[in-house]
Amino acid sequence: MTDLAMTPDGRIVATGSSASGTLTVARFHADGSLDPTFGDNGRATSRIGEAEVLAVAVQPDHQIVVAGQRDQEFFLLRYRINGKHDRFAGRAFRYAAVAVATLRLVR
């Protein structure tokens, strides 16, 4: 696990990456049980290759933004409220170093 965030309704979001290059975002209810309405039984994954997850933040509309770094370049990925990867946002956010720094400050 790399980082945690809270949703506006009190759910817990955890994120991290594995040595195999998979980024995982998990959403939990306040009691610690996985939220089955998010992703695949509470988890959403994306292949990111050799990258590092730096931070996670939850927007007021419950969408989740994950910031990371790969080959000295920053990236942001956004997941919709249902855990689906927002691919359009990923392209729009690419190389957004200022946004990564903002995520760290907001937490």
N, C-alpha and C. Protein backbone atom coordinates (compact mmCIF):
# COMPACT_ATOMS: atom_id res chain seq x y z
N MET A 1 0.85 -1.17 0.00
CA MET A 1 0.00 0.00 0.00
C MET A 1 0.89 1.24 0.00
N THR A 2 0.52 2.20 -0.81
CA THR A 2 1.30 3.43 -0.93
C THR A 2 0.62 4.60 -0.24
N ASP A 3 -0.71 4.71 -0.39
CA ASP A 3 -1.39 5.88 0.14
C ASP A 3 -2.84 5.56 0.44
N LEU A 4 -3.44 6.37 1.30
CA LEU A 4 -4.85 6.25 1.68
C LEU A 4 -5.54 7.59 1.51
N ALA A 5 -6.85 7.54 1.25
CA ALA A 5 -7.67 8.76 1.17
C ALA A 5 -9.08 8.39 1.63
N MET A 6 -9.85 9.39 2.00
CA MET A 6 -11.24 9.19 2.40
C MET A 6 -12.16 9.82 1.36
N THR A 7 -13.27 9.15 1.09
CA THR A 7 -14.28 9.71 0.21
C THR A 7 -15.17 10.64 1.02
N PRO A 8 -15.92 11.51 0.36
CA PRO A 8 -16.81 12.42 1.10
C PRO A 8 -17.83 11.70 1.99
N ASP A 9 -18.17 10.45 1.65
CA ASP A 9 -19.14 9.71 2.47
C ASP A 9 -18.48 8.74 3.45
N GLY A 10 -17.17 8.86 3.67
CA GLY A 10 -16.49 8.10 4.71
C GLY A 10 -15.90 6.77 4.30
N ARG A 11 -15.90 6.44 3.03
CA ARG A 11 -15.25 5.21 2.58
C ARG A 11 -13.74 5.45 2.50
N ILE A 12 -12.99 4.38 2.55
CA ILE A 12 -11.54 4.45 2.56
C ILE A 12 -11.02 3.95 1.21
N VAL A 13 -10.08 4.70 0.63
CA VAL A 13 -9.46 4.33 -0.64
C VAL A 13 -7.98 4.07 -0.37
N ALA A 14 -7.50 2.90 -0.81
CA ALA A 14 -6.09 2.55 -0.68
C ALA A 14 -5.53 2.28 -2.06
N THR A 15 -4.27 2.62 -2.26
CA THR A 15 -3.64 2.38 -3.56
C THR A 15 -2.20 1.92 -3.38
N GLY A 16 -1.72 1.24 -4.38
CA GLY A 16 -0.35 0.77 -4.38
C GLY A 16 -0.03 0.11 -5.70
N SER A 17 1.23 -0.29 -5.87
CA SER A 17 1.63 -0.97 -7.10
C SER A 17 2.48 -2.18 -6.73
N SER A 18 2.52 -3.13 -7.64
CA SER A 18 3.27 -4.36 -7.41
C SER A 18 4.52 -4.39 -8.28
N ALA A 19 5.41 -5.31 -7.97
CA ALA A 19 6.63 -5.47 -8.76
C ALA A 19 6.32 -5.91 -10.18
N SER A 20 5.15 -6.51 -10.39
CA SER A 20 4.78 -6.96 -11.73
C SER A 20 4.21 -5.84 -12.59
N GLY A 21 4.10 -4.62 -12.04
CA GLY A 21 3.65 -3.48 -12.82
C GLY A 21 2.15 -3.24 -12.79
N THR A 22 1.48 -3.72 -11.77
CA THR A 22 0.04 -3.52 -11.66
C THR A 22 -0.26 -2.52 -10.55
N LEU A 23 -1.02 -1.49 -10.90
CA LEU A 23 -1.50 -0.52 -9.92
C LEU A 23 -2.86 -1.01 -9.44
N THR A 24 -3.07 -1.02 -8.12
CA THR A 24 -4.34 -1.44 -7.56
C THR A 24 -4.93 -0.31 -6.72
N VAL A 25 -6.21 -0.05 -6.94
CA VAL A 25 -6.98 0.87 -6.12
C VAL A 25 -8.08 0.05 -5.48
N ALA A 26 -8.19 0.11 -4.16
CA ALA A 26 -9.23 -0.61 -3.44
C ALA A 26 -10.07 0.38 -2.66
N ARG A 27 -11.39 0.13 -2.60
CA ARG A 27 -12.26 1.01 -1.81
C ARG A 27 -12.96 0.15 -0.77
N PHE A 28 -12.93 0.66 0.47
CA PHE A 28 -13.48 -0.06 1.61
C PHE A 28 -14.61 0.75 2.25
N HIS A 29 -15.55 0.04 2.85
CA HIS A 29 -16.55 0.69 3.69
C HIS A 29 -15.86 1.13 4.98
N ALA A 30 -16.51 1.96 5.76
CA ALA A 30 -15.94 2.45 7.01
C ALA A 30 -15.61 1.31 7.98
N ASP A 31 -16.33 0.18 7.86
CA ASP A 31 -16.08 -0.96 8.75
C ASP A 31 -14.90 -1.83 8.29
N GLY A 32 -14.25 -1.45 7.17
CA GLY A 32 -13.09 -2.17 6.67
C GLY A 32 -13.39 -3.23 5.63
N SER A 33 -14.65 -3.49 5.33
CA SER A 33 -14.99 -4.48 4.30
C SER A 33 -14.86 -3.84 2.92
N LEU A 34 -14.45 -4.65 1.93
CA LEU A 34 -14.33 -4.15 0.57
C LEU A 34 -15.70 -3.71 0.05
N ASP A 35 -15.71 -2.64 -0.73
CA ASP A 35 -16.95 -2.12 -1.31
C ASP A 35 -17.17 -2.81 -2.66
N PRO A 36 -18.11 -3.77 -2.74
CA PRO A 36 -18.30 -4.54 -3.98
C PRO A 36 -18.85 -3.72 -5.14
N THR A 37 -19.29 -2.49 -4.90
CA THR A 37 -19.79 -1.65 -5.99
C THR A 37 -18.67 -0.94 -6.73
N PHE A 38 -17.44 -1.10 -6.26
CA PHE A 38 -16.28 -0.46 -6.87
C PHE A 38 -15.45 -1.50 -7.61
N GLY A 39 -15.18 -1.26 -8.88
CA GLY A 39 -14.31 -2.14 -9.66
C GLY A 39 -14.78 -3.58 -9.65
N ASP A 40 -13.82 -4.50 -9.50
CA ASP A 40 -14.09 -5.93 -9.45
C ASP A 40 -14.08 -6.37 -7.99
N ASN A 41 -15.26 -6.38 -7.37
CA ASN A 41 -15.41 -6.76 -5.96
C ASN A 41 -14.57 -5.89 -5.02
N GLY A 42 -14.52 -4.59 -5.29
CA GLY A 42 -13.84 -3.66 -4.41
C GLY A 42 -12.48 -3.21 -4.88
N ARG A 43 -11.98 -3.78 -5.96
CA ARG A 43 -10.65 -3.43 -6.45
C ARG A 43 -10.68 -3.08 -7.93
N ALA A 44 -9.87 -2.10 -8.31
CA ALA A 44 -9.67 -1.74 -9.72
C ALA A 44 -8.17 -1.80 -9.98
N THR A 45 -7.78 -2.33 -11.14
CA THR A 45 -6.36 -2.44 -11.46
C THR A 45 -6.06 -1.84 -12.82
N SER A 46 -4.82 -1.40 -12.97
CA SER A 46 -4.32 -0.89 -14.25
C SER A 46 -2.87 -1.34 -14.39
N ARG A 47 -2.48 -1.68 -15.60
CA ARG A 47 -1.08 -2.02 -15.87
C ARG A 47 -0.31 -0.71 -16.07
N ILE A 48 0.72 -0.50 -15.26
CA ILE A 48 1.49 0.74 -15.35
C ILE A 48 2.97 0.50 -15.61
N GLY A 49 3.38 -0.73 -15.69
CA GLY A 49 4.79 -1.03 -15.91
C GLY A 49 5.62 -0.67 -14.69
N GLU A 50 6.87 -0.39 -14.92
CA GLU A 50 7.78 -0.05 -13.82
C GLU A 50 7.54 1.40 -13.42
N ALA A 51 6.62 1.59 -12.52
CA ALA A 51 6.25 2.93 -12.08
C ALA A 51 6.01 2.92 -10.58
N GLU A 52 6.03 4.08 -10.01
CA GLU A 52 5.83 4.25 -8.58
C GLU A 52 4.57 5.07 -8.34
N VAL A 53 3.70 4.58 -7.48
CA VAL A 53 2.53 5.35 -7.07
C VAL A 53 2.96 6.30 -5.96
N LEU A 54 2.62 7.58 -6.12
CA LEU A 54 3.03 8.60 -5.15
C LEU A 54 1.91 9.03 -4.21
N ALA A 55 0.69 9.17 -4.73
CA ALA A 55 -0.38 9.72 -3.91
C ALA A 55 -1.74 9.36 -4.51
N VAL A 56 -2.76 9.43 -3.67
CA VAL A 56 -4.14 9.25 -4.12
C VAL A 56 -4.98 10.36 -3.50
N ALA A 57 -5.96 10.83 -4.25
CA ALA A 57 -6.88 11.86 -3.75
C ALA A 57 -8.27 11.53 -4.28
N VAL A 58 -9.28 11.93 -3.52
CA VAL A 58 -10.66 11.72 -3.94
C VAL A 58 -11.28 13.08 -4.22
N GLN A 59 -11.81 13.24 -5.42
CA GLN A 59 -12.46 14.50 -5.79
C GLN A 59 -13.82 14.60 -5.09
N PRO A 60 -14.39 15.81 -4.99
CA PRO A 60 -15.70 15.98 -4.35
C PRO A 60 -16.80 15.13 -5.00
N ASP A 61 -16.65 14.80 -6.29
CA ASP A 61 -17.65 13.97 -6.98
C ASP A 61 -17.34 12.48 -6.84
N HIS A 62 -16.44 12.11 -5.92
CA HIS A 62 -16.08 10.74 -5.57
C HIS A 62 -15.15 10.06 -6.57
N GLN A 63 -14.73 10.74 -7.62
CA GLN A 63 -13.77 10.15 -8.54
C GLN A 63 -12.40 10.14 -7.88
N ILE A 64 -11.63 9.12 -8.18
CA ILE A 64 -10.34 8.91 -7.53
C ILE A 64 -9.22 9.24 -8.50
N VAL A 65 -8.25 10.02 -8.03
CA VAL A 65 -7.09 10.40 -8.84
C VAL A 65 -5.84 9.81 -8.18
N VAL A 66 -5.08 9.06 -8.97
CA VAL A 66 -3.84 8.46 -8.50
C VAL A 66 -2.68 9.12 -9.24
N ALA A 67 -1.69 9.56 -8.49
CA ALA A 67 -0.51 10.19 -9.07
C ALA A 67 0.67 9.24 -8.95
N GLY A 68 1.51 9.24 -9.98
CA GLY A 68 2.67 8.38 -9.96
C GLY A 68 3.80 8.93 -10.79
N GLN A 69 4.88 8.16 -10.82
CA GLN A 69 6.07 8.57 -11.56
C GLN A 69 6.64 7.36 -12.29
N ARG A 70 7.02 7.57 -13.55
CA ARG A 70 7.65 6.52 -14.35
C ARG A 70 8.73 7.17 -15.21
N ASP A 71 9.92 6.65 -15.13
CA ASP A 71 11.03 7.18 -15.93
C ASP A 71 11.16 8.69 -15.81
N GLN A 72 11.10 9.21 -14.62
CA GLN A 72 11.23 10.64 -14.32
C GLN A 72 10.15 11.49 -14.94
N GLU A 73 9.03 10.88 -15.31
CA GLU A 73 7.86 11.62 -15.80
C GLU A 73 6.69 11.30 -14.87
N PHE A 74 5.87 12.28 -14.63
CA PHE A 74 4.72 12.11 -13.76
C PHE A 74 3.49 11.72 -14.57
N PHE A 75 2.59 11.01 -13.93
CA PHE A 75 1.32 10.67 -14.56
C PHE A 75 0.20 10.72 -13.53
N LEU A 76 -1.00 10.92 -14.00
CA LEU A 76 -2.20 10.86 -13.18
C LEU A 76 -3.19 9.92 -13.86
N LEU A 77 -3.83 9.10 -13.08
CA LEU A 77 -4.90 8.24 -13.57
C LEU A 77 -6.15 8.57 -12.76
N ARG A 78 -7.30 8.57 -13.42
CA ARG A 78 -8.54 8.83 -12.69
C ARG A 78 -9.47 7.63 -12.85
N TYR A 79 -10.12 7.29 -11.75
CA TYR A 79 -11.10 6.21 -11.74
C TYR A 79 -12.46 6.79 -11.40
N ARG A 80 -13.45 6.33 -12.14
CA ARG A 80 -14.82 6.79 -11.91
C ARG A 80 -15.35 6.20 -10.61
N ILE A 81 -16.50 6.67 -10.18
CA ILE A 81 -17.09 6.24 -8.93
C ILE A 81 -17.33 4.72 -8.89
N ASN A 82 -17.50 4.10 -10.06
CA ASN A 82 -17.73 2.65 -10.11
C ASN A 82 -16.43 1.85 -10.25
N GLY A 83 -15.28 2.54 -10.28
CA GLY A 83 -13.99 1.86 -10.37
C GLY A 83 -13.46 1.69 -11.77
N LYS A 84 -14.20 2.13 -12.76
CA LYS A 84 -13.72 2.06 -14.15
C LYS A 84 -12.68 3.15 -14.38
N HIS A 85 -11.61 2.79 -15.09
CA HIS A 85 -10.56 3.74 -15.41
C HIS A 85 -11.09 4.78 -16.39
N ASP A 86 -10.92 6.04 -16.08
CA ASP A 86 -11.34 7.13 -16.97
C ASP A 86 -10.19 7.39 -17.94
N ARG A 87 -10.18 6.69 -19.06
CA ARG A 87 -9.05 6.74 -20.00
C ARG A 87 -8.84 8.12 -20.60
N PHE A 88 -9.89 8.86 -20.82
CA PHE A 88 -9.75 10.21 -21.36
C PHE A 88 -8.97 11.09 -20.39
N ALA A 89 -9.30 11.00 -19.12
CA ALA A 89 -8.61 11.81 -18.11
C ALA A 89 -7.14 11.44 -18.03
N GLY A 90 -6.80 10.16 -18.19
CA GLY A 90 -5.41 9.73 -18.13
C GLY A 90 -4.56 10.41 -19.18
N ARG A 91 -5.08 10.54 -20.39
CA ARG A 91 -4.33 11.24 -21.43
C ARG A 91 -4.24 12.73 -21.13
N ALA A 92 -5.33 13.29 -20.65
CA ALA A 92 -5.35 14.73 -20.37
C ALA A 92 -4.41 15.09 -19.22
N PHE A 93 -4.26 14.18 -18.24
CA PHE A 93 -3.45 14.46 -17.05
C PHE A 93 -1.97 14.14 -17.22
N ARG A 94 -1.60 13.47 -18.26
CA ARG A 94 -0.22 12.98 -18.40
C ARG A 94 0.79 14.11 -18.26
N TYR A 95 1.87 13.83 -17.56
CA TYR A 95 2.97 14.77 -17.34
C TYR A 95 2.55 15.98 -16.50
N ALA A 96 1.63 15.82 -15.62
CA ALA A 96 1.11 16.93 -14.82
C ALA A 96 1.84 17.01 -13.48
N ALA A 97 3.08 17.44 -13.50
CA ALA A 97 3.89 17.50 -12.29
C ALA A 97 3.30 18.43 -11.25
N VAL A 98 2.72 19.53 -11.65
CA VAL A 98 2.12 20.48 -10.72
C VAL A 98 0.95 19.82 -9.98
N ALA A 99 0.16 19.03 -10.67
CA ALA A 99 -0.96 18.35 -10.05
C ALA A 99 -0.49 17.33 -9.02
N VAL A 100 0.60 16.64 -9.27
CA VAL A 100 1.15 15.69 -8.31
C VAL A 100 1.54 16.43 -7.03
N ALA A 101 2.22 17.53 -7.18
CA ALA A 101 2.61 18.31 -6.00
C ALA A 101 1.38 18.81 -5.25
N THR A 102 0.35 19.21 -5.96
CA THR A 102 -0.89 19.67 -5.33
C THR A 102 -1.54 18.56 -4.54
N LEU A 103 -1.58 17.35 -5.09
CA LEU A 103 -2.17 16.22 -4.37
C LEU A 103 -1.46 15.99 -3.04
N ARG A 104 -0.15 16.11 -3.05
CA ARG A 104 0.60 15.91 -1.80
C ARG A 104 0.28 17.01 -0.78
N LEU A 105 0.09 18.23 -1.23
CA LEU A 105 -0.20 19.33 -0.32
C LEU A 105 -1.62 19.27 0.24
N VAL A 106 -2.57 18.83 -0.58
CA VAL A 106 -3.97 18.82 -0.17
C VAL A 106 -4.20 17.79 0.92
N ARG A 107 -3.51 16.68 0.87
CA ARG A 107 -3.73 15.61 1.84
C ARG A 107 -3.42 16.09 3.19
